[in-house]
Amino acid sequence: MTQRWLQRFDEKDPIALAKLISAVENRLPGYQELLDALYARTGNAYRIGITGPPGAGKSSLVDRLVPLYRAEAKTVAVLACDPTSPFTGGALLGDRIRMQDLVTNDDGVFIRSMATRGSLGGLAKAAQEVALVLEAFGFDLILFETIGVGQVEIDIAQAADSVVVVLVPQSGDVIQAMKAGLMEIGDIFCINKADQGEADLFYKNLQTMLSLAMRDWIPPIVQTVATAHQGIEKLKEALEKHRIFLGEEGLRARRRERLRVFIKELIEDGLRVRLWDGEGLRDLESQLERVWGKIISPHQAVQELLQKRVR
């Protein structure tokens, strides 16, 4: 990444921001040095995660939430994780198309679609790093919208300060949420499409399940109809109450844990790359022959490989 683009980034040029994000997402040469240079400026944005099963209306909720924050003169970045194109490896851009009005009408909003690229946790693999770039750019809020894969939406718990789990009536989402572990990661639960039948029963069932959890913070349940702009203000109020509940100490503790997990993931990625370079693959084949010949066991082969490759 050239110094010219970095200078334009410092001047709050959204094109430069997009260029830097692409460099990070695509792992272009020098992207790690770029993140090193920007890191001191990070940590000031509040991160909100919007997650839940497919079809729950996550994009519509984001589309309605953003203007409420913009009315308070807060700048907002949206990271919308989309399925990966089987042809290009890029995002299919569905969320960005649905939110096009936000992009074209307001320079205080930045929306980026990111391909999951094989990640199974609901977020794109580089989402945490891209969030750091957005923080360095100076956004007040970062909204993560997960892909909506249903039962593995857990990455968001390590990426956001407040997590909203979006569910809909008449879909068995309460049971699915329990299976997915979403009941543990949600700070606020949103029943969207609440104008559908059995919404009240759904609310009571969800309330009963949440009451069984042993938590200092009891997640509130907000009913919304995003397409009709109903309940969005209450959802925003619930988010603000959670931020107040966390306080400075709670927020620091959550972010410190997030950093711990992030560093651990970077270490694991680095070790994986080191293990499986050309020499590592040759060592694997050599050990495979020894294991196949019953000279050593699989566990012995692993220990020898690790001793040689991880120093």
Foldseek 3Di string as FASTA:
>chain_A
DDPVLVVVLVVLNVVSLVVLLCCLQVVPPPNVVVLVVLQVQFDQAAEEEEAEAPPLCSLLLVLLQVVVVVVVVFAEEEEEEAEADPVPRFHPCPSCVVNVVCVPPDPSYHYDYGHLSPDPQQHRPSVQSSNSSVSSSPGRYYYYYGHRHQQRNPVVLLRHLAYEYGAEPPPCRLVSCVNNVVLVSHQAYEHEPCVDPPSVVVVVVNQVVQVPDDDPRRHYYFYYHSVVSGRSVVVVVSVVVSDVVCPPVNSVVSNVVSVVVVVVVVVVVVLVCQCPDPVNVVLVVVLVVCCVVVVDPPVVSVVVSCVVRPD
